[in-house]
């Protein structure tokens, strides 16, 4: 009789463990690909009816306007400040209504920036909502004004200086460098390197095809995503 009790208890233990594993597996799959899970944060409410589906939440029908209004009203009550927002409400073309909205929020004590976006899938007749947590990057301006001369791969007034003649191109180059995010890493995986002299500041440009662009100078290091407009303005080939 005692052996039967041990067998029964053992069977119950196996069912509890396997049930817990199955629940954990389902939970992992449900939220797979999410950088932040709203249900784990008391200050991030979930719009009623949204169902998690791996990297996104979904709800039937075109509901992005309701969701936009909900978060615009609810998040400030939880201490969030909107950093940026844009929506199809500002677009007079009704054909673009499906694009929905995107917004970015910050809050004291929250390590990063909270992104919330929604769009409508006409084919599936469902609204997709994405919650995202991203780091807050800093961009330190290296130039207060556009230098009167910019040389590529050479010093000013030297024979091998390829001068950027157009003021518009010089302005683009300066804006790209100023807007690039500060990069604290000591390494930069660039394949090619060019040297630009902007006024009296020498900037090394490290880049490669479909790779991030790195700027290095006495002021530090910066990084930006590859942009064809930069390469065109600087007369460089990625």
C-alpha atoms as a PDB file:
ATOM      1  CA  UNK A   1       0.000   0.000   0.000  1.00  0.00           C
ATOM      2  CA  UNK A   2       2.824   2.353   0.889  1.00  0.00           C
ATOM      3  CA  UNK A   3       4.477   1.680  -2.483  1.00  0.00           C
ATOM      4  CA  UNK A   4       1.252   2.695  -4.246  1.00  0.00           C
ATOM      5  CA  UNK A   5       1.260   6.010  -2.366  1.00  0.00           C
ATOM      6  CA  UNK A   6       4.867   6.664  -3.374  1.00  0.00           C
ATOM      7  CA  UNK A   7       3.986   5.849  -6.998  1.00  0.00           C
ATOM      8  CA  UNK A   8       0.997   8.221  -6.892  1.00  0.00           C
ATOM      9  CA  UNK A   9       3.077  11.039  -5.361  1.00  0.00           C
ATOM     10  CA  UNK A  10       5.786  10.464  -7.938  1.00  0.00           C
ATOM     11  CA  UNK A  11       3.263  10.657 -10.771  1.00  0.00           C
ATOM     12  CA  UNK A  12       1.841  13.911  -9.376  1.00  0.00           C
ATOM     13  CA  UNK A  13       5.335  15.390  -9.108  1.00  0.00           C
ATOM     14  CA  UNK A  14       6.088  14.481 -12.726  1.00  0.00           C
ATOM     15  CA  UNK A  15       2.826  16.079 -13.889  1.00  0.00           C
ATOM     16  CA  UNK A  16       3.545  19.277 -11.931  1.00  0.00           C
ATOM     17  CA  UNK A  17       7.071  19.563 -13.323  1.00  0.00           C
ATOM     18  CA  UNK A  18       6.036  18.770 -16.897  1.00  0.00           C
ATOM     19  CA  UNK A  19       3.081  21.142 -16.632  1.00  0.00           C
ATOM     20  CA  UNK A  20       5.348  23.911 -15.405  1.00  0.00           C
ATOM     21  CA  UNK A  21       7.780  23.248 -18.240  1.00  0.00           C
ATOM     22  CA  UNK A  22       4.956  23.332 -20.794  1.00  0.00           C
ATOM     23  CA  UNK A  23       3.673  26.614 -19.370  1.00  0.00           C
ATOM     24  CA  UNK A  24       7.160  28.098 -19.461  1.00  0.00           C
ATOM     25  CA  UNK A  25       7.631  26.897 -23.041  1.00  0.00           C
ATOM     26  CA  UNK A  26       4.316  28.432 -24.146  1.00  0.00           C
ATOM     27  CA  UNK A  27       5.162  31.681 -22.361  1.00  0.00           C
ATOM     28  CA  UNK A  28       8.614  31.837 -23.972  1.00  0.00           C
ATOM     29  CA  UNK A  29       7.168  31.232 -27.434  1.00  0.00           C
ATOM     30  CA  UNK A  30       4.371  33.761 -26.901  1.00  0.00           C
ATOM     31  CA  UNK A  31       6.746  36.618 -26.095  1.00  0.00           C
ATOM     32  CA  UNK A  32       9.677  35.502 -28.236  1.00  0.00           C
ATOM     33  CA  UNK A  33      11.355  38.435 -29.972  1.00  0.00           C
ATOM     34  CA  UNK A  34       9.988  41.129 -27.647  1.00  0.00           C
ATOM     35  CA  UNK A  35      12.489  43.580 -26.177  1.00  0.00           C
ATOM     36  CA  UNK A  36       9.995  44.447 -23.424  1.00  0.00           C
ATOM     37  CA  UNK A  37       6.894  42.678 -22.084  1.00  0.00           C
ATOM     38  CA  UNK A  38       4.250  45.191 -20.886  1.00  0.00           C
ATOM     39  CA  UNK A  39       2.627  42.663 -18.534  1.00  0.00           C
ATOM     40  CA  UNK A  40       5.836  42.648 -16.503  1.00  0.00           C
ATOM     41  CA  UNK A  41       5.642  46.424 -15.914  1.00  0.00           C
ATOM     42  CA  UNK A  42       2.954  48.000 -13.725  1.00  0.00           C
ATOM     43  CA  UNK A  43       3.391  51.341 -15.467  1.00  0.00           C
ATOM     44  CA  UNK A  44       2.778  50.011 -19.009  1.00  0.00           C
ATOM     45  CA  UNK A  45      -0.930  49.177 -19.393  1.00  0.00           C
ATOM     46  CA  UNK A  46      -2.114  46.786 -22.101  1.00  0.00           C
ATOM     47  CA  UNK A  47      -5.006  47.905 -24.279  1.00  0.00           C
ATOM     48  CA  UNK A  48      -7.957  45.625 -23.658  1.00  0.00           C
ATOM     49  CA  UNK A  49      -8.193  42.884 -26.273  1.00  0.00           C
ATOM     50  CA  UNK A  50      -4.537  42.883 -27.341  1.00  0.00           C
ATOM     51  CA  UNK A  51      -3.106  39.364 -27.543  1.00  0.00           C
ATOM     52  CA  UNK A  52       0.659  38.673 -27.516  1.00  0.00           C
ATOM     53  CA  UNK A  53       1.970  36.896 -30.590  1.00  0.00           C
ATOM     54  CA  UNK A  54       5.745  36.475 -30.500  1.00  0.00           C
ATOM     55  CA  UNK A  55       7.269  39.866 -31.407  1.00  0.00           C
ATOM     56  CA  UNK A  56       3.973  41.800 -31.454  1.00  0.00           C
ATOM     57  CA  UNK A  57       0.450  42.113 -30.096  1.00  0.00           C
ATOM     58  CA  UNK A  58      -2.606  41.759 -32.319  1.00  0.00           C
ATOM     59  CA  UNK A  59      -6.311  42.572 -32.172  1.00  0.00           C
ATOM     60  CA  UNK A  60      -9.003  42.020 -34.792  1.00  0.00           C
ATOM     61  CA  UNK A  61     -10.178  44.938 -36.879  1.00  0.00           C
ATOM     62  CA  UNK A  62      -8.815  48.415 -37.565  1.00  0.00           C
ATOM     63  CA  UNK A  63      -8.304  49.616 -33.973  1.00  0.00           C
ATOM     64  CA  UNK A  64      -5.123  51.691 -34.159  1.00  0.00           C
ATOM     65  CA  UNK A  65      -6.921  55.007 -33.560  1.00  0.00           C
ATOM     66  CA  UNK A  66      -8.429  53.723 -30.317  1.00  0.00           C
ATOM     67  CA  UNK A  67      -5.068  52.348 -29.251  1.00  0.00           C
ATOM     68  CA  UNK A  68      -3.351  55.633 -30.090  1.00  0.00           C
ATOM     69  CA  UNK A  69      -5.861  57.589 -27.995  1.00  0.00           C
ATOM     70  CA  UNK A  70      -5.599  55.084 -25.140  1.00  0.00           C
ATOM     71  CA  UNK A  71      -1.816  55.358 -24.767  1.00  0.00           C
ATOM     72  CA  UNK A  72      -1.736  59.115 -25.371  1.00  0.00           C
ATOM     73  CA  UNK A  73      -4.080  59.507 -22.386  1.00  0.00           C
ATOM     74  CA  UNK A  74      -2.924  56.656 -20.145  1.00  0.00           C
ATOM     75  CA  UNK A  75       0.876  56.798 -20.190  1.00  0.00           C
ATOM     76  CA  UNK A  76       1.215  60.341 -18.758  1.00  0.00           C
ATOM     77  CA  UNK A  77      -0.803  59.134 -15.744  1.00  0.00           C
ATOM     78  CA  UNK A  78       1.975  56.592 -15.124  1.00  0.00           C
ATOM     79  CA  UNK A  79       4.693  59.239 -15.257  1.00  0.00           C
ATOM     80  CA  UNK A  80       5.695  58.875 -18.921  1.00  0.00           C
ATOM     81  CA  UNK A  81       6.641  61.869 -21.070  1.00  0.00           C
ATOM     82  CA  UNK A  82       6.227  61.644 -24.833  1.00  0.00           C
ATOM     83  CA  UNK A  83       9.496  62.263 -26.654  1.00  0.00           C
ATOM     84  CA  UNK A  84       8.204  61.879 -30.202  1.00  0.00           C
ATOM     85  CA  UNK A  85       5.005  60.820 -31.916  1.00  0.00           C
ATOM     86  CA  UNK A  86       3.638  60.699 -35.444  1.00  0.00           C
ATOM     87  CA  UNK A  87       0.443  59.254 -36.852  1.00  0.00           C
ATOM     88  CA  UNK A  88      -1.640  58.881 -39.984  1.00  0.00           C
ATOM     89  CA  UNK A  89      -4.044  61.390 -38.450  1.00  0.00           C
ATOM     90  CA  UNK A  90      -1.764  64.074 -39.875  1.00  0.00           C
ATOM     91  CA  UNK A  91      -2.027  62.553 -43.371  1.00  0.00           C
ATOM     92  CA  UNK A  92      -4.926  63.813 -45.471  1.00  0.00           C
ATOM     93  CA  UNK A  93      -4.664  60.775 -47.778  1.00  0.00           C
ATOM     94  CA  UNK A  94      -7.072  58.150 -46.432  1.00  0.00           C
ATOM     95  CA  UNK A  95      -5.177  55.456 -48.346  1.00  0.00           C
ATOM     96  CA  UNK A  96      -2.386  55.799 -45.776  1.00  0.00           C
ATOM     97  CA  UNK A  97      -4.661  55.192 -42.791  1.00  0.00           C
ATOM     98  CA  UNK A  98      -3.251  51.672 -42.386  1.00  0.00           C
ATOM     99  CA  UNK A  99       0.148  53.093 -41.339  1.00  0.00           C
ATOM    100  CA  UNK A 100      -1.207  53.906 -37.875  1.00  0.00           C
ATOM    101  CA  UNK A 101       1.137  55.632 -35.416  1.00  0.00           C
ATOM    102  CA  UNK A 102       4.477  55.485 -33.691  1.00  0.00           C
ATOM    103  CA  UNK A 103       5.512  57.105 -30.427  1.00  0.00           C
ATOM    104  CA  UNK A 104       8.497  57.183 -28.086  1.00  0.00           C
ATOM    105  CA  UNK A 105       8.294  57.749 -24.345  1.00  0.00           C
ATOM    106  CA  UNK A 106      10.716  58.414 -21.507  1.00  0.00           C
ATOM    107  CA  UNK A 107      10.355  58.164 -17.768  1.00  0.00           C
ATOM    108  CA  UNK A 108      12.643  58.864 -14.856  1.00  0.00           C
ATOM    109  CA  UNK A 109      14.060  55.600 -13.575  1.00  0.00           C
ATOM    110  CA  UNK A 110      13.394  53.729 -16.827  1.00  0.00           C
ATOM    111  CA  UNK A 111      16.633  52.596 -18.437  1.00  0.00           C
ATOM    112  CA  UNK A 112      16.029  53.479 -22.059  1.00  0.00           C
ATOM    113  CA  UNK A 113      13.184  54.662 -24.259  1.00  0.00           C
ATOM    114  CA  UNK A 114       9.783  53.003 -24.667  1.00  0.00           C
ATOM    115  CA  UNK A 115       8.494  52.759 -28.213  1.00  0.00           C
ATOM    116  CA  UNK A 116       4.874  51.956 -29.068  1.00  0.00           C
ATOM    117  CA  UNK A 117       3.651  51.665 -32.643  1.00  0.00           C
ATOM    118  CA  UNK A 118       0.548  50.284 -34.319  1.00  0.00           C
ATOM    119  CA  UNK A 119      -0.525  49.604 -37.887  1.00  0.00           C
ATOM    120  CA  UNK A 120      -3.457  47.953 -39.606  1.00  0.00           C
ATOM    121  CA  UNK A 121      -3.108  44.859 -41.796  1.00  0.00           C
ATOM    122  CA  UNK A 122      -5.927  44.986 -44.316  1.00  0.00           C
ATOM    123  CA  UNK A 123      -5.406  41.440 -45.569  1.00  0.00           C
ATOM    124  CA  UNK A 124      -5.574  39.854 -42.109  1.00  0.00           C
ATOM    125  CA  UNK A 125      -8.041  42.491 -40.854  1.00  0.00           C
ATOM    126  CA  UNK A 126      -6.050  42.956 -37.675  1.00  0.00           C
ATOM    127  CA  UNK A 127      -4.133  45.709 -35.920  1.00  0.00           C
ATOM    128  CA  UNK A 128      -0.525  44.996 -35.005  1.00  0.00           C
ATOM    129  CA  UNK A 129       1.022  46.713 -31.978  1.00  0.00           C
ATOM    130  CA  UNK A 130       4.729  46.624 -31.153  1.00  0.00           C
ATOM    131  CA  UNK A 131       6.271  47.566 -27.807  1.00  0.00           C
ATOM    132  CA  UNK A 132       9.987  48.213 -27.950  1.00  0.00           C
ATOM    133  CA  UNK A 133      12.689  49.180 -25.484  1.00  0.00           C
ATOM    134  CA  UNK A 134      15.740  50.926 -26.920  1.00  0.00           C
ATOM    135  CA  UNK A 135      18.798  52.585 -25.376  1.00  0.00           C
ATOM    136  CA  UNK A 136      18.966  56.365 -25.257  1.00  0.00           C
ATOM    137  CA  UNK A 137      21.815  57.502 -27.459  1.00  0.00           C
ATOM    138  CA  UNK A 138      23.627  60.798 -27.119  1.00  0.00           C
ATOM    139  CA  UNK A 139      24.862  62.929 -30.008  1.00  0.00           C
ATOM    140  CA  UNK A 140      27.539  65.500 -29.190  1.00  0.00           C
ATOM    141  CA  UNK A 141      27.974  68.217 -31.823  1.00  0.00           C
ATOM    142  CA  UNK A 142      31.579  68.473 -33.004  1.00  0.00           C
ATOM    143  CA  UNK A 143      30.998  71.557 -35.132  1.00  0.00           C
ATOM    144  CA  UNK A 144      29.218  74.777 -34.201  1.00  0.00           C
ATOM    145  CA  UNK A 145      29.234  76.049 -37.780  1.00  0.00           C
ATOM    146  CA  UNK A 146      30.022  74.778 -41.243  1.00  0.00           C
ATOM    147  CA  UNK A 147      33.754  75.120 -42.041  1.00  0.00           C
ATOM    148  CA  UNK A 148      34.624  77.198 -45.086  1.00  0.00           C
ATOM    149  CA  UNK A 149      36.701  74.305 -46.415  1.00  0.00           C
ATOM    150  CA  UNK A 150      36.476  70.533 -46.232  1.00  0.00           C
ATOM    151  CA  UNK A 151      39.143  68.278 -47.708  1.00  0.00           C
ATOM    152  CA  UNK A 152      38.762  64.570 -48.331  1.00  0.00           C
ATOM    153  CA  UNK A 153      41.876  62.377 -48.109  1.00  0.00           C
ATOM    154  CA  UNK A 154      44.225  65.275 -47.641  1.00  0.00           C
ATOM    155  CA  UNK A 155      45.197  68.405 -45.738  1.00  0.00           C
ATOM    156  CA  UNK A 156      43.988  71.878 -46.626  1.00  0.00           C
ATOM    157  CA  UNK A 157      45.879  73.508 -49.499  1.00  0.00           C
ATOM    158  CA  UNK A 158      47.746  70.269 -50.244  1.00  0.00           C
ATOM    159  CA  UNK A 159      47.933  68.770 -53.756  1.00  0.00           C
ATOM    160  CA  UNK A 160      46.019  65.609 -52.802  1.00  0.00           C
ATOM    161  CA  UNK A 161      43.170  67.479 -51.119  1.00  0.00           C
ATOM    162  CA  UNK A 162      39.837  66.767 -52.802  1.00  0.00           C
ATOM    163  CA  UNK A 163      37.938  69.869 -51.757  1.00  0.00           C
ATOM    164  CA  UNK A 164      34.170  69.846 -51.238  1.00  0.00           C
ATOM    165  CA  UNK A 165      33.238  72.913 -53.238  1.00  0.00           C
ATOM    166  CA  UNK A 166      29.463  73.047 -52.752  1.00  0.00           C
ATOM    167  CA  UNK A 167      28.383  74.701 -49.501  1.00  0.00           C
ATOM    168  CA  UNK A 168      25.271  72.510 -49.420  1.00  0.00           C
ATOM    169  CA  UNK A 169      27.459  69.385 -49.446  1.00  0.00           C
ATOM    170  CA  UNK A 170      29.683  70.758 -46.678  1.00  0.00           C
ATOM    171  CA  UNK A 171      26.598  71.468 -44.603  1.00  0.00           C
ATOM    172  CA  UNK A 172      25.316  67.921 -45.168  1.00  0.00           C
ATOM    173  CA  UNK A 173      28.635  66.422 -44.074  1.00  0.00           C
ATOM    174  CA  UNK A 174      28.728  68.498 -40.882  1.00  0.00           C
ATOM    175  CA  UNK A 175      25.115  67.633 -40.060  1.00  0.00           C
ATOM    176  CA  UNK A 176      25.768  63.929 -40.558  1.00  0.00           C
ATOM    177  CA  UNK A 177      28.779  64.037 -38.225  1.00  0.00           C
ATOM    178  CA  UNK A 178      27.031  66.144 -35.582  1.00  0.00           C
ATOM    179  CA  UNK A 179      23.925  63.926 -35.602  1.00  0.00           C
ATOM    180  CA  UNK A 180      25.887  60.652 -35.427  1.00  0.00           C
ATOM    181  CA  UNK A 181      25.606  58.994 -32.019  1.00  0.00           C
ATOM    182  CA  UNK A 182      28.503  59.040 -29.569  1.00  0.00           C
ATOM    183  CA  UNK A 183      30.330  55.721 -29.653  1.00  0.00           C
ATOM    184  CA  UNK A 184      32.225  54.703 -26.532  1.00  0.00           C
ATOM    185  CA  UNK A 185      33.730  51.501 -27.921  1.00  0.00           C
ATOM    186  CA  UNK A 186      37.403  51.679 -28.777  1.00  0.00           C
ATOM    187  CA  UNK A 187      37.016  49.540 -31.879  1.00  0.00           C
ATOM    188  CA  UNK A 188      35.369  50.298 -35.201  1.00  0.00           C
ATOM    189  CA  UNK A 189      34.794  47.492 -37.736  1.00  0.00           C
ATOM    190  CA  UNK A 190      35.344  49.629 -40.798  1.00  0.00           C
ATOM    191  CA  UNK A 191      36.753  48.106 -43.986  1.00  0.00           C
ATOM    192  CA  UNK A 192      37.835  51.324 -45.706  1.00  0.00           C
ATOM    193  CA  UNK A 193      39.235  54.503 -44.213  1.00  0.00           C
ATOM    194  CA  UNK A 194      39.311  58.053 -45.497  1.00  0.00           C
ATOM    195  CA  UNK A 195      40.572  61.185 -43.794  1.00  0.00           C
ATOM    196  CA  UNK A 196      38.523  64.366 -43.904  1.00  0.00           C
ATOM    197  CA  UNK A 197      39.812  67.738 -42.751  1.00  0.00           C
ATOM    198  CA  UNK A 198      37.037  70.050 -41.694  1.00  0.00           C
ATOM    199  CA  UNK A 199      38.558  73.429 -40.923  1.00  0.00           C
ATOM    200  CA  UNK A 200      41.327  72.554 -38.478  1.00  0.00           C
ATOM    201  CA  UNK A 201      39.795  69.262 -37.291  1.00  0.00           C
ATOM    202  CA  UNK A 202      40.907  65.969 -38.829  1.00  0.00           C
ATOM    203  CA  UNK A 203      38.254  63.250 -38.921  1.00  0.00           C
ATOM    204  CA  UNK A 204      38.913  59.632 -39.856  1.00  0.00           C
ATOM    205  CA  UNK A 205      35.986  58.001 -41.644  1.00  0.00           C
ATOM    206  CA  UNK A 206      35.768  54.203 -41.330  1.00  0.00           C
ATOM    207  CA  UNK A 207      33.189  52.478 -43.470  1.00  0.00           C
ATOM    208  CA  UNK A 208      32.328  49.472 -45.593  1.00  0.00           C
ATOM    209  CA  UNK A 209      29.553  48.242 -47.854  1.00  0.00           C
ATOM    210  CA  UNK A 210      26.301  47.968 -45.857  1.00  0.00           C
ATOM    211  CA  UNK A 211      28.266  48.637 -42.653  1.00  0.00           C
ATOM    212  CA  UNK A 212      27.933  51.387 -40.081  1.00  0.00           C
ATOM    213  CA  UNK A 213      29.994  54.532 -40.624  1.00  0.00           C
ATOM    214  CA  UNK A 214      32.378  55.567 -37.858  1.00  0.00           C
ATOM    215  CA  UNK A 215      33.902  59.008 -37.340  1.00  0.00           C
ATOM    216  CA  UNK A 216      37.027  59.350 -35.207  1.00  0.00           C
ATOM    217  CA  UNK A 217      38.762  62.567 -34.153  1.00  0.00           C
ATOM    218  CA  UNK A 218      40.398  64.225 -31.162  1.00  0.00           C
ATOM    219  CA  UNK A 219      36.854  64.777 -29.891  1.00  0.00           C
ATOM    220  CA  UNK A 220      36.106  61.056 -29.683  1.00  0.00           C
ATOM    221  CA  UNK A 221      34.220  58.587 -31.842  1.00  0.00           C
ATOM    222  CA  UNK A 222      30.774  58.592 -33.426  1.00  0.00           C
ATOM    223  CA  UNK A 223      28.682  56.085 -35.358  1.00  0.00           C
ATOM    224  CA  UNK A 224      25.857  56.350 -37.892  1.00  0.00           C
ATOM    225  CA  UNK A 225      23.968  54.003 -40.184  1.00  0.00           C
ATOM    226  CA  UNK A 226      25.158  53.924 -43.804  1.00  0.00           C
ATOM    227  CA  UNK A 227      23.486  56.669 -45.788  1.00  0.00           C
ATOM    228  CA  UNK A 228      23.977  57.162 -49.550  1.00  0.00           C
ATOM    229  CA  UNK A 229      23.496  60.921 -49.139  1.00  0.00           C
ATOM    230  CA  UNK A 230      26.603  61.114 -46.959  1.00  0.00           C
ATOM    231  CA  UNK A 231      28.726  59.199 -49.461  1.00  0.00           C
ATOM    232  CA  UNK A 232      27.486  61.400 -52.282  1.00  0.00           C
ATOM    233  CA  UNK A 233      28.176  64.640 -50.415  1.00  0.00           C
ATOM    234  CA  UNK A 234      31.669  63.464 -49.399  1.00  0.00           C
ATOM    235  CA  UNK A 235      32.505  61.958 -52.834  1.00  0.00           C
ATOM    236  CA  UNK A 236      33.155  58.551 -51.246  1.00  0.00           C
ATOM    237  CA  UNK A 237      32.226  55.100 -52.539  1.00  0.00           C
ATOM    238  CA  UNK A 238      30.894  52.573 -50.009  1.00  0.00           C
END
